[in-house]
Protein backbone atom coordinates (compact mmCIF):
# COMPACT_ATOMS: atom_id res chain seq x y z
CA MET A 1 -19.68 -153.45 -142.07
CA SER A 2 -21.91 -150.32 -143.39
CA VAL A 3 -23.99 -150.49 -140.25
CA LYS A 4 -22.94 -151.53 -137.10
CA VAL A 5 -25.11 -151.38 -134.01
CA GLN A 6 -23.98 -152.83 -130.47
CA HIS A 7 -26.02 -153.04 -127.25
CA LEU A 8 -28.44 -150.06 -128.60
CA THR A 9 -30.89 -149.05 -125.87
CA LYS A 10 -33.19 -145.94 -125.75
CA GLU A 11 -35.32 -145.20 -122.70
CA TYR A 12 -38.66 -143.08 -122.25
CA GLY A 13 -38.60 -142.76 -118.56
CA PRO A 14 -39.42 -146.30 -117.40
CA GLN A 15 -40.11 -147.66 -120.86
CA LYS A 16 -37.47 -149.25 -123.05
CA ALA A 17 -38.51 -148.66 -126.68
CA VAL A 18 -35.08 -150.29 -127.85
CA ASN A 19 -33.43 -152.80 -125.37
CA ASP A 20 -30.08 -154.16 -125.91
CA VAL A 21 -30.24 -154.36 -129.94
CA SER A 22 -27.17 -155.60 -131.70
CA PHE A 23 -27.09 -156.04 -135.51
CA GLU A 24 -24.91 -155.42 -138.57
CA ALA A 25 -25.57 -154.56 -142.19
CA LYS A 26 -23.67 -154.89 -145.00
CA LYS A 27 -22.99 -153.56 -148.36
CA GLY A 28 -24.90 -155.29 -151.06
CA GLU A 29 -27.32 -156.19 -148.75
CA VAL A 30 -31.03 -155.55 -148.32
CA LEU A 31 -32.05 -156.06 -144.77
CA GLY A 32 -35.89 -156.03 -143.77
CA PHE A 33 -36.74 -154.53 -140.26
CA LEU A 34 -39.98 -156.22 -139.19
CA GLY A 35 -41.99 -155.99 -136.16
CA PRO A 36 -45.41 -155.19 -134.78
CA ASN A 37 -46.36 -151.44 -134.21
CA GLY A 38 -44.47 -150.11 -131.24
CA ALA A 39 -41.83 -152.60 -131.29
CA GLY A 40 -38.86 -150.20 -131.62
CA LYS A 41 -38.18 -150.32 -135.48
CA SER A 42 -38.44 -146.38 -136.15
CA THR A 43 -37.04 -145.82 -132.93
CA THR A 44 -33.81 -147.63 -134.10
CA MET A 45 -33.88 -145.86 -137.44
CA LYS A 46 -34.06 -142.39 -135.96
CA ILE A 47 -31.17 -143.22 -134.11
CA LEU A 48 -29.38 -144.47 -136.75
CA THR A 49 -30.02 -141.28 -138.85
CA CYS A 50 -28.90 -139.10 -135.96
CA PHE A 51 -32.62 -137.81 -135.34
CA ILE A 52 -32.39 -138.81 -131.70
CA PRO A 53 -29.70 -139.51 -129.02
CA GLN A 54 -29.40 -143.30 -127.88
CA THR A 55 -29.67 -143.69 -124.04
CA ALA A 56 -26.72 -146.60 -124.06
CA GLY A 57 -24.92 -148.33 -126.63
CA LYS A 58 -23.34 -147.57 -130.09
CA ALA A 59 -24.19 -147.28 -133.47
CA GLU A 60 -21.76 -146.77 -136.26
CA VAL A 61 -22.60 -145.99 -139.99
CA CYS A 62 -19.84 -146.35 -142.69
CA GLY A 63 -17.38 -146.33 -139.57
CA TYR A 64 -18.77 -142.99 -138.20
CA ASP A 65 -20.21 -142.92 -134.81
CA VAL A 66 -23.69 -141.67 -134.90
CA GLU A 67 -23.02 -139.66 -131.68
CA LYS A 68 -19.92 -138.31 -131.96
CA ASP A 69 -19.70 -137.66 -135.88
CA PRO A 70 -23.50 -136.66 -136.77
CA LEU A 71 -22.82 -134.69 -140.05
CA GLU A 72 -20.36 -137.33 -141.42
CA VAL A 73 -22.98 -140.19 -140.61
CA ARG A 74 -25.88 -137.57 -142.56
CA ARG A 75 -23.30 -137.35 -145.63
CA ARG A 76 -23.69 -141.11 -145.89
CA ILE A 77 -27.07 -141.90 -145.49
CA GLY A 78 -30.40 -141.60 -146.95
CA TYR A 79 -33.46 -141.71 -145.05
CA LEU A 80 -37.21 -141.93 -145.87
CA PRO A 81 -39.09 -141.58 -142.65
CA GLU A 82 -42.45 -143.29 -142.04
CA HIS A 83 -44.36 -139.86 -142.21
CA ASN A 84 -42.98 -138.64 -145.11
CA PRO A 85 -42.17 -134.82 -144.49
CA LEU A 86 -42.14 -132.72 -147.57
CA TYR A 87 -42.43 -128.87 -148.67
CA THR A 88 -45.96 -129.26 -150.09
CA ASP A 89 -46.14 -125.58 -151.31
CA MET A 90 -42.93 -126.47 -153.65
CA TYR A 91 -43.24 -128.05 -156.97
CA VAL A 92 -41.61 -131.67 -157.29
CA LYS A 93 -38.51 -130.44 -159.33
CA GLU A 94 -38.06 -127.28 -157.60
CA TYR A 95 -38.15 -129.15 -154.02
CA LEU A 96 -35.36 -131.91 -155.58
CA GLY A 97 -33.25 -129.26 -156.89
CA PHE A 98 -33.47 -127.61 -153.42
CA VAL A 99 -32.57 -131.04 -151.76
CA ALA A 100 -29.64 -131.22 -154.08
CA LYS A 101 -28.45 -127.91 -153.57
CA LEU A 102 -28.30 -128.61 -149.57
CA HIS A 103 -26.25 -131.39 -150.15
CA LYS A 104 -23.76 -129.33 -152.45
CA ILE A 105 -24.28 -131.82 -155.12
CA PRO A 106 -22.55 -130.81 -158.66
CA LYS A 107 -24.76 -130.77 -161.80
CA VAL A 108 -27.93 -130.56 -159.73
CA SER A 109 -30.18 -130.37 -162.75
CA LYS A 110 -28.61 -133.73 -164.02
CA ARG A 111 -29.04 -135.42 -160.84
CA VAL A 112 -32.41 -134.35 -160.42
CA ALA A 113 -33.33 -135.56 -163.96
CA GLU A 114 -31.76 -139.00 -162.88
CA MET A 115 -33.92 -139.07 -160.04
CA ILE A 116 -37.18 -138.22 -161.46
CA GLU A 117 -36.84 -140.78 -164.13
CA LEU A 118 -35.55 -143.60 -161.60
CA THR A 119 -38.55 -143.16 -159.60
CA GLY A 120 -40.98 -142.40 -162.18
CA LEU A 121 -42.06 -138.99 -161.38
CA GLY A 122 -41.77 -137.60 -165.15
CA LYS A 123 -45.36 -136.56 -165.55
CA GLU A 124 -45.68 -135.10 -161.74
CA GLN A 125 -42.40 -133.15 -161.92
CA HIS A 126 -44.08 -129.62 -162.56
CA LYS A 127 -46.87 -130.09 -160.12
CA LEU A 128 -46.89 -129.06 -156.40
CA ILE A 129 -46.33 -131.39 -154.11
CA SER A 130 -49.62 -130.88 -152.38
CA SER A 131 -51.63 -132.11 -155.21
CA LEU A 132 -50.10 -135.38 -155.66
CA SER A 133 -51.14 -138.63 -154.39
CA LYS A 134 -49.72 -140.47 -151.54
CA GLY A 135 -48.07 -142.73 -153.70
CA TYR A 136 -46.45 -140.19 -155.79
CA ARG A 137 -45.37 -138.25 -152.59
CA GLN A 138 -43.68 -141.49 -151.74
CA ARG A 139 -41.80 -141.60 -154.74
CA VAL A 140 -40.47 -138.18 -154.01
CA GLY A 141 -39.62 -138.95 -150.55
CA LEU A 142 -37.57 -141.78 -151.96
CA SER A 143 -36.08 -139.42 -154.49
CA GLN A 144 -34.72 -136.87 -152.09
CA ALA A 145 -33.08 -139.78 -149.78
CA MET A 146 -31.11 -141.07 -153.11
CA LEU A 147 -30.19 -137.94 -154.18
CA HIS A 148 -26.76 -137.51 -152.87
CA ASP A 149 -25.94 -141.09 -153.75
CA PRO A 150 -25.73 -142.29 -150.20
CA GLU A 151 -23.80 -145.52 -149.15
CA VAL A 152 -26.81 -146.61 -146.98
CA LEU A 153 -30.42 -146.16 -147.39
CA ILE A 154 -32.87 -146.16 -144.25
CA LEU A 155 -36.57 -146.39 -145.67
CA ASP A 156 -39.31 -146.84 -143.23
CA GLU A 157 -42.31 -147.85 -144.90
CA PRO A 158 -41.31 -147.10 -148.38
CA THR A 159 -44.22 -148.65 -150.21
CA SER A 160 -46.94 -147.24 -148.06
CA GLY A 161 -49.85 -146.12 -150.14
CA LEU A 162 -48.27 -147.29 -153.43
CA ASP A 163 -50.90 -149.11 -156.09
CA PRO A 164 -49.78 -152.48 -157.40
CA ASN A 165 -48.21 -151.03 -160.56
CA GLN A 166 -46.24 -148.67 -158.41
CA LEU A 167 -45.19 -151.18 -156.18
CA VAL A 168 -43.67 -153.40 -158.88
CA GLU A 169 -41.62 -150.23 -159.99
CA ILE A 170 -40.41 -149.35 -156.47
CA ARG A 171 -39.70 -152.91 -155.87
CA SER A 172 -37.30 -152.82 -158.72
CA VAL A 173 -35.35 -149.39 -157.86
CA ILE A 174 -34.60 -150.83 -154.12
CA LYS A 175 -33.67 -154.33 -155.53
CA HIS A 176 -31.56 -152.65 -158.06
CA LEU A 177 -29.86 -150.06 -154.99
CA GLY A 178 -29.36 -153.14 -153.08
CA GLU A 179 -26.88 -154.58 -155.23
CA GLU A 180 -24.41 -151.74 -154.53
CA LYS A 181 -25.68 -150.04 -151.45
CA THR A 182 -26.81 -151.17 -147.87
CA VAL A 183 -30.70 -150.72 -147.66
CA ILE A 184 -32.47 -151.30 -144.40
CA PHE A 185 -36.13 -150.93 -144.72
CA SER A 186 -39.45 -151.73 -142.46
CA THR A 187 -42.80 -152.79 -143.66
CA HIS A 188 -45.72 -154.55 -142.83
CA ILE A 189 -46.39 -156.24 -145.99
CA MET A 190 -44.87 -159.82 -145.87
CA GLN A 191 -44.83 -159.98 -149.75
CA GLU A 192 -42.27 -157.20 -149.79
CA VAL A 193 -39.86 -159.18 -147.41
CA GLN A 194 -39.99 -162.49 -149.95
CA ALA A 195 -39.54 -160.12 -152.91
CA LEU A 196 -36.71 -157.85 -151.85
CA CYS A 197 -35.02 -158.90 -148.57
CA ASP A 198 -31.79 -160.90 -148.19
CA ARG A 199 -32.08 -161.20 -144.77
CA VAL A 200 -34.86 -160.44 -142.11
CA LEU A 201 -34.33 -158.80 -138.50
CA ILE A 202 -37.64 -158.83 -136.44
CA ILE A 203 -37.68 -156.93 -133.51
CA ASN A 204 -40.38 -157.36 -130.55
CA LYS A 205 -41.05 -155.37 -127.41
CA GLY A 206 -37.63 -153.60 -128.19
CA LYS A 207 -35.43 -156.93 -128.25
CA ILE A 208 -34.15 -158.61 -131.53
CA VAL A 209 -36.11 -162.26 -131.77
CA ALA A 210 -34.88 -163.10 -135.02
CA ASN A 211 -31.93 -162.23 -137.15
CA ASP A 212 -31.55 -164.49 -140.51
CA ALA A 213 -32.19 -165.27 -144.05
CA ILE A 214 -36.14 -166.26 -144.53
CA GLY A 215 -35.45 -169.60 -145.74
CA GLN A 216 -33.49 -170.53 -142.49
CA LEU A 217 -36.32 -168.83 -140.37
CA GLN A 218 -38.97 -170.72 -142.51
CA ASN A 219 -37.22 -173.95 -141.54
CA ARG A 220 -36.71 -173.09 -137.71
CA ILE A 221 -40.22 -172.39 -137.47
CA GLY A 222 -41.90 -175.24 -139.53
CA GLY A 223 -40.25 -178.17 -137.51
CA GLU A 224 -41.55 -180.56 -139.97
CA MET A 225 -41.42 -181.44 -143.67
CA ILE A 226 -45.28 -181.71 -144.94
CA VAL A 227 -45.76 -182.73 -148.66
CA THR A 228 -49.16 -182.61 -150.22
CA VAL A 229 -50.00 -185.27 -152.62
CA GLU A 230 -52.91 -186.37 -154.75
CA PHE A 231 -52.96 -189.92 -156.12
CA SER A 232 -55.01 -191.01 -159.17
CA GLN A 233 -56.66 -193.82 -157.06
CA ALA A 234 -57.53 -194.42 -153.56
CA VAL A 235 -54.58 -195.29 -150.91
CA ASN A 236 -55.42 -196.35 -147.52
CA THR A 237 -53.25 -194.85 -144.60
CA ALA A 238 -51.74 -198.23 -143.79
CA LYS A 239 -49.96 -198.32 -146.96
CA LEU A 240 -48.61 -194.75 -146.90
CA GLN A 241 -47.26 -195.44 -143.27
CA GLN A 242 -45.02 -197.85 -144.87
CA ILE A 243 -43.16 -194.86 -146.77
CA ARG A 244 -39.77 -194.44 -145.10
CA ASN A 245 -39.35 -191.71 -142.61
CA VAL A 246 -43.04 -190.81 -142.55
CA LYS A 247 -44.26 -189.75 -139.14
CA ARG A 248 -48.04 -189.26 -139.87
CA THR A 249 -50.61 -188.77 -142.75
CA GLU A 250 -53.66 -186.64 -142.91
CA ASN A 251 -56.41 -187.17 -145.56
CA LEU A 252 -57.60 -183.79 -147.45
CA GLY A 253 -60.30 -185.48 -149.11
CA GLY A 254 -60.82 -187.87 -151.86
CA ASN A 255 -57.23 -189.02 -152.79
CA ARG A 256 -55.43 -185.86 -151.42
CA TRP A 257 -53.11 -186.23 -148.50
CA HIS A 258 -50.57 -184.45 -146.34
CA ILE A 259 -47.62 -186.85 -145.56
CA ILE A 260 -45.47 -185.55 -142.97
CA ALA A 261 -41.87 -186.20 -141.84
CA ASP A 262 -39.20 -184.41 -139.66
CA ALA A 263 -37.78 -181.37 -141.37
CA ASP A 264 -34.46 -182.69 -141.82
CA LYS A 265 -36.03 -185.76 -143.87
CA ASP A 266 -36.95 -184.80 -147.53
CA ILE A 267 -39.56 -187.89 -148.38
CA ARG A 268 -40.66 -186.61 -151.97
CA GLY A 269 -38.11 -189.31 -153.28
CA GLU A 270 -39.62 -191.88 -151.31
CA ILE A 271 -42.95 -191.16 -152.00
CA PHE A 272 -42.19 -190.93 -155.77
CA ARG A 273 -40.68 -194.62 -155.41
CA PHE A 274 -44.13 -195.43 -153.27
CA ALA A 275 -46.20 -194.42 -156.26
CA VAL A 276 -44.14 -196.39 -159.01
CA ASP A 277 -44.17 -199.57 -156.97
CA ASN A 278 -47.68 -199.47 -156.34
CA ASN A 279 -48.48 -198.55 -160.09
CA LEU A 280 -50.30 -194.92 -158.89
CA ILE A 281 -50.10 -191.97 -160.87
CA LEU A 282 -48.97 -188.94 -158.95
CA LEU A 283 -51.09 -186.10 -159.92
CA GLU A 284 -49.86 -183.38 -157.60
CA MET A 285 -46.70 -183.40 -155.21
CA HIS A 286 -45.40 -180.02 -153.44
CA LYS A 287 -43.62 -179.49 -150.47
CA GLU A 288 -45.88 -176.95 -148.13
CA VAL A 289 -43.45 -173.98 -147.06
CA VAL A 290 -44.12 -171.87 -143.86
CA SER A 291 -44.95 -168.42 -144.90
CA VAL A 292 -43.32 -165.09 -143.93
CA GLU A 293 -46.54 -164.36 -142.27
CA ASP A 294 -46.31 -167.67 -139.75
CA VAL A 295 -42.77 -166.91 -138.92
CA PHE A 296 -43.58 -163.36 -137.90
CA ALA A 297 -46.66 -164.41 -135.97
CA VAL A 298 -44.88 -167.19 -133.89
CA LEU A 299 -41.95 -164.75 -133.04
CA THR A 300 -43.90 -161.94 -132.15
CA LYS A 301 -46.88 -163.33 -130.13
């Protein structure tokens, strides 16, 4: 595993910011790290990146202990913190060159040019960082995190401040990186989670409350299968209740209905058969899906 966390705890006096957290992240995986403000996300990321020590427990990055081998961990990790710290009196290209030299990267100019192209900073590379918009500052932060080609990327709110076009571009970059690296990123934007994540980790009040693929979490929270249908003509409730495995029905107005069954009973075939047997035309039929927002709300109440 690229990242392995076992019983991690961080205490600030009587408060446990992180409370007995355990999880793993492997190569070729994009792991979404979610939770409300103050849940312990940034604290966990700061421990993994050797910025603060844990109170108890253990964390490893690429087999190196964050407490015993912090320099080896830092060589293998790229980090974009939530509050992106940059030298604002430097030019973009100059800053990236400076960071590349700190990492002792060979062929500095070539690597800087690659990062500028990858993150779309071409038109901004000769500008002072202080003159950039927040979105372009995020791109500079992402570039510096990737300069030394780390095995693990930890990104804290990487798409904060980006406009819709920039979002698409940075999503594409993160998705591409996730094919060959381990990417852990936190966000409050649920569309990001659905677009990018292979798996979701949800933390609340310092504890892990969910660790699974999005689809599995949606099924777990949903509990029922809800199918929205619209028929070509009126159908009464009694007839719909005759469909096999139907628990109940809800009229949505006119000829539109919610037809509800247990989560493990896919009734769409039965509904289609019902329509054929009763000479009805199905104008609409789709399965309602529990949103990531719903999952998040249920698990972090």
